[in-house]
N, C-alpha and C. Protein backbone atom coordinates (compact mmCIF):
# COMPACT_ATOMS: atom_id res chain seq x y z
N MET A 1 30.06 -11.13 -1.76
CA MET A 1 30.04 -9.61 -1.70
C MET A 1 28.87 -8.89 -2.17
N THR A 2 28.36 -9.41 -3.12
CA THR A 2 27.03 -8.96 -3.74
C THR A 2 26.02 -9.20 -2.70
N GLY A 3 26.00 -10.14 -1.98
CA GLY A 3 24.97 -10.32 -0.96
C GLY A 3 24.71 -9.15 0.04
N ILE A 4 26.15 -8.81 0.53
CA ILE A 4 26.35 -7.74 1.46
C ILE A 4 25.52 -6.53 0.81
N LEU A 5 25.80 -6.19 -0.27
CA LEU A 5 25.44 -5.17 -0.98
C LEU A 5 24.00 -5.08 -1.25
N ILE A 6 23.39 -6.07 -1.37
CA ILE A 6 21.86 -6.33 -1.48
C ILE A 6 21.35 -6.14 -0.27
N TRP A 7 21.80 -6.57 0.88
CA TRP A 7 21.47 -6.26 2.18
C TRP A 7 21.41 -4.90 2.67
N ILE A 8 22.53 -4.17 2.29
CA ILE A 8 22.79 -2.81 2.45
C ILE A 8 21.50 -2.05 1.80
N LEU A 9 21.47 -2.41 0.33
CA LEU A 9 20.50 -1.60 -0.50
C LEU A 9 19.06 -1.80 0.10
N LEU A 10 18.65 -3.20 0.42
CA LEU A 10 17.55 -3.57 1.00
C LEU A 10 17.43 -2.97 2.36
N GLY A 11 18.24 -2.70 3.26
CA GLY A 11 18.05 -1.95 4.35
C GLY A 11 17.94 -0.61 4.29
N LEU A 12 18.55 0.04 3.20
CA LEU A 12 18.40 1.48 3.16
C LEU A 12 16.87 1.68 2.70
N ILE A 13 16.39 0.87 1.63
CA ILE A 13 15.11 1.24 1.25
C ILE A 13 14.13 0.96 2.30
N ALA A 14 14.15 -0.24 2.77
CA ALA A 14 13.13 -0.70 4.00
C ALA A 14 13.22 0.25 5.16
N GLY A 15 14.32 0.78 5.62
CA GLY A 15 14.61 1.69 6.80
C GLY A 15 13.78 3.02 6.33
N ALA A 16 14.06 3.56 5.29
CA ALA A 16 13.63 4.84 4.69
C ALA A 16 12.21 4.86 4.77
N ILE A 17 11.67 3.75 4.04
CA ILE A 17 10.11 3.65 3.96
C ILE A 17 9.62 3.69 5.23
N ALA A 18 10.11 2.66 6.14
CA ALA A 18 9.51 2.47 7.59
C ALA A 18 9.57 3.72 8.31
N LYS A 19 10.74 4.50 8.15
CA LYS A 19 10.74 5.83 8.77
C LYS A 19 9.61 6.75 8.24
N TRP A 20 9.49 6.72 7.02
CA TRP A 20 8.59 7.55 6.39
C TRP A 20 7.05 7.25 6.83
N ILE A 21 6.64 5.99 6.90
CA ILE A 21 5.38 5.27 7.25
C ILE A 21 5.20 5.86 8.82
N MET A 22 6.22 5.66 9.51
CA MET A 22 6.06 5.84 11.07
C MET A 22 7.05 7.00 11.42
N PRO A 23 6.65 8.14 11.07
CA PRO A 23 7.67 9.46 11.65
C PRO A 23 7.65 9.60 13.05
N GLY A 24 8.79 10.13 13.54
CA GLY A 24 8.75 10.28 14.98
C GLY A 24 10.25 10.47 15.38
N PRO A 25 10.42 10.43 16.79
CA PRO A 25 11.79 10.86 17.16
C PRO A 25 12.64 9.42 17.24
N ASP A 26 13.17 9.25 16.09
CA ASP A 26 14.09 8.11 15.89
C ASP A 26 15.66 8.43 16.01
N PRO A 27 16.48 7.35 16.29
CA PRO A 27 17.94 7.61 16.32
C PRO A 27 18.63 7.78 15.06
N GLY A 28 19.67 8.63 15.08
CA GLY A 28 20.64 8.57 13.94
C GLY A 28 20.11 9.16 12.60
N GLY A 29 21.07 8.85 11.85
CA GLY A 29 20.97 9.40 10.28
C GLY A 29 20.78 8.36 9.26
N TRP A 30 21.45 8.39 8.19
CA TRP A 30 21.15 7.49 7.24
C TRP A 30 21.87 6.07 7.53
N ILE A 31 22.92 6.09 8.40
CA ILE A 31 23.46 4.75 8.70
C ILE A 31 22.58 3.98 9.49
N VAL A 32 22.04 4.65 10.51
CA VAL A 32 21.09 3.96 11.43
C VAL A 32 19.84 3.63 10.64
N THR A 33 19.37 4.32 9.63
CA THR A 33 18.30 3.91 8.80
C THR A 33 18.68 2.62 8.15
N ILE A 34 19.86 2.54 7.54
CA ILE A 34 20.24 1.39 7.00
C ILE A 34 20.19 0.21 7.92
N LEU A 35 20.79 0.36 9.19
CA LEU A 35 20.82 -0.56 10.21
C LEU A 35 19.41 -0.97 10.64
N ILE A 36 18.56 -0.05 10.81
CA ILE A 36 17.06 -0.44 11.00
C ILE A 36 16.44 -1.35 10.09
N GLY A 37 16.73 -0.94 8.70
CA GLY A 37 16.24 -1.79 7.69
C GLY A 37 16.81 -3.11 7.55
N ILE A 38 18.04 -3.18 7.72
CA ILE A 38 18.86 -4.60 8.00
C ILE A 38 18.18 -5.42 8.94
N VAL A 39 18.05 -5.04 10.20
CA VAL A 39 17.40 -5.68 11.24
C VAL A 39 15.96 -6.08 10.88
N GLY A 40 15.38 -5.06 10.49
CA GLY A 40 13.90 -5.31 9.82
C GLY A 40 13.88 -6.26 8.96
N ALA A 41 14.69 -6.53 7.95
CA ALA A 41 14.81 -7.46 6.95
C ALA A 41 14.93 -8.86 7.77
N VAL A 42 15.77 -8.82 8.65
CA VAL A 42 15.97 -10.15 9.48
C VAL A 42 14.81 -10.45 10.19
N ILE A 43 14.03 -9.56 10.59
CA ILE A 43 12.83 -9.65 11.51
C ILE A 43 11.64 -10.40 10.52
N GLY A 44 11.74 -9.51 9.24
CA GLY A 44 10.65 -9.72 8.36
C GLY A 44 10.82 -11.11 7.77
N GLY A 45 12.12 -11.57 7.66
CA GLY A 45 12.55 -12.96 6.94
C GLY A 45 12.06 -14.01 7.84
N PHE A 46 12.31 -13.72 8.96
CA PHE A 46 11.89 -14.69 10.11
C PHE A 46 10.53 -14.82 10.24
N LEU A 47 9.78 -13.73 10.20
CA LEU A 47 8.41 -13.96 10.18
C LEU A 47 7.74 -14.54 8.84
N GLY A 48 8.36 -14.09 7.94
CA GLY A 48 7.83 -14.58 6.55
C GLY A 48 8.19 -15.97 6.40
N GLY A 49 9.07 -16.82 6.95
CA GLY A 49 9.52 -17.90 6.87
C GLY A 49 8.62 -18.82 7.67
N ALA A 50 8.39 -17.89 9.01
CA ALA A 50 7.57 -18.66 9.93
C ALA A 50 6.17 -18.94 9.40
N LEU A 51 5.68 -17.85 8.75
CA LEU A 51 4.24 -17.90 8.21
C LEU A 51 4.16 -18.44 6.72
N GLY A 52 5.42 -18.95 6.23
CA GLY A 52 5.25 -19.74 4.98
C GLY A 52 5.19 -18.75 3.81
N LEU A 53 5.52 -17.51 4.07
CA LEU A 53 5.70 -16.42 2.91
C LEU A 53 6.69 -16.16 2.15
N GLY A 54 7.80 -17.00 2.51
CA GLY A 54 8.99 -16.87 2.02
C GLY A 54 9.98 -15.84 2.93
N GLY A 55 11.24 -15.62 2.34
CA GLY A 55 12.23 -14.93 3.30
C GLY A 55 12.63 -13.59 2.49
N THR A 56 13.64 -13.26 2.90
CA THR A 56 14.08 -11.97 2.31
C THR A 56 15.67 -12.17 1.52
N GLY A 57 15.67 -13.37 1.05
CA GLY A 57 17.13 -13.69 0.29
C GLY A 57 17.11 -12.76 -1.09
N ASP A 58 16.33 -12.18 -1.67
CA ASP A 58 16.85 -11.55 -2.95
C ASP A 58 16.16 -10.12 -2.90
N LEU A 59 16.12 -9.32 -3.74
CA LEU A 59 15.82 -7.91 -3.84
C LEU A 59 14.59 -7.87 -4.88
N SER A 60 13.37 -8.26 -4.15
CA SER A 60 12.15 -8.35 -4.90
C SER A 60 11.08 -7.72 -4.05
N ILE A 61 10.07 -7.39 -4.63
CA ILE A 61 8.81 -6.79 -4.02
C ILE A 61 8.57 -7.35 -2.85
N GLY A 62 8.48 -8.45 -2.66
CA GLY A 62 7.98 -9.48 -1.53
C GLY A 62 9.13 -9.19 -0.44
N SER A 63 10.20 -9.30 -0.75
CA SER A 63 11.47 -9.09 0.27
C SER A 63 11.54 -7.75 0.71
N ILE A 64 11.19 -6.76 -0.06
CA ILE A 64 11.16 -5.30 0.38
C ILE A 64 10.06 -5.32 1.45
N LEU A 65 8.90 -5.58 0.94
CA LEU A 65 7.70 -5.51 1.85
C LEU A 65 7.83 -6.17 3.28
N LEU A 66 8.53 -7.40 3.21
CA LEU A 66 8.76 -8.24 4.46
C LEU A 66 9.76 -7.51 5.25
N SER A 67 10.83 -6.69 4.56
CA SER A 67 11.74 -6.01 5.34
C SER A 67 10.99 -4.65 5.85
N ILE A 68 10.17 -4.19 5.17
CA ILE A 68 9.52 -3.02 5.84
C ILE A 68 8.73 -3.27 6.92
N VAL A 69 7.88 -4.26 7.06
CA VAL A 69 7.16 -4.79 7.99
C VAL A 69 8.05 -4.95 9.16
N GLY A 70 9.29 -5.63 8.96
CA GLY A 70 10.02 -6.02 10.07
C GLY A 70 10.72 -4.70 10.65
N ALA A 71 11.07 -3.49 9.79
CA ALA A 71 11.42 -2.48 10.32
C ALA A 71 10.42 -1.56 10.99
N LEU A 72 9.12 -1.72 10.62
CA LEU A 72 8.17 -1.02 11.45
C LEU A 72 7.90 -1.75 12.77
N ILE A 73 7.96 -3.04 12.82
CA ILE A 73 7.92 -3.66 13.98
C ILE A 73 9.11 -3.09 15.00
N LEU A 74 10.38 -3.26 14.33
CA LEU A 74 11.24 -2.76 15.22
C LEU A 74 11.28 -1.20 15.62
N LEU A 75 10.86 -0.26 14.74
CA LEU A 75 10.58 0.90 15.25
C LEU A 75 9.57 1.06 16.25
N PHE A 76 8.50 0.30 16.19
CA PHE A 76 7.47 0.33 17.28
C PHE A 76 7.95 -0.07 18.59
N LEU A 77 8.76 -1.32 18.56
CA LEU A 77 9.25 -1.82 19.79
C LEU A 77 10.32 -0.75 20.35
N TYR A 78 11.04 -0.11 19.57
CA TYR A 78 12.15 0.81 20.16
C TYR A 78 11.32 1.95 20.82
N ARG A 79 10.28 2.46 20.15
CA ARG A 79 9.36 3.71 20.78
C ARG A 79 8.78 3.16 22.02
N LYS A 80 8.36 1.93 22.29
CA LYS A 80 7.60 1.45 23.46
C LYS A 80 8.55 1.20 24.57
N LEU A 81 9.80 0.82 24.27
CA LEU A 81 10.84 0.53 25.24
C LEU A 81 11.77 1.80 25.63
N ALA A 82 11.82 2.69 24.84
CA ALA A 82 12.93 3.74 24.99
C ALA A 82 12.00 4.88 25.59
């Protein structure tokens, strides 16, 4: 249960920072922001693991940065495809 709460918290932080860095016409409110951050954490964790930078398994500065990068990639792709 703690892991799920960490993912939600990480998603909220990463999604909010990503939307702040890349403002624009994005869908939804704070729940969608959390979902963008969680999916961004998955993307960032995958990329971090592939590049040997680690993953997003804990609530640390590195995992938050990887999650933000993943969320920014997700927002970029959403805007290009929508």
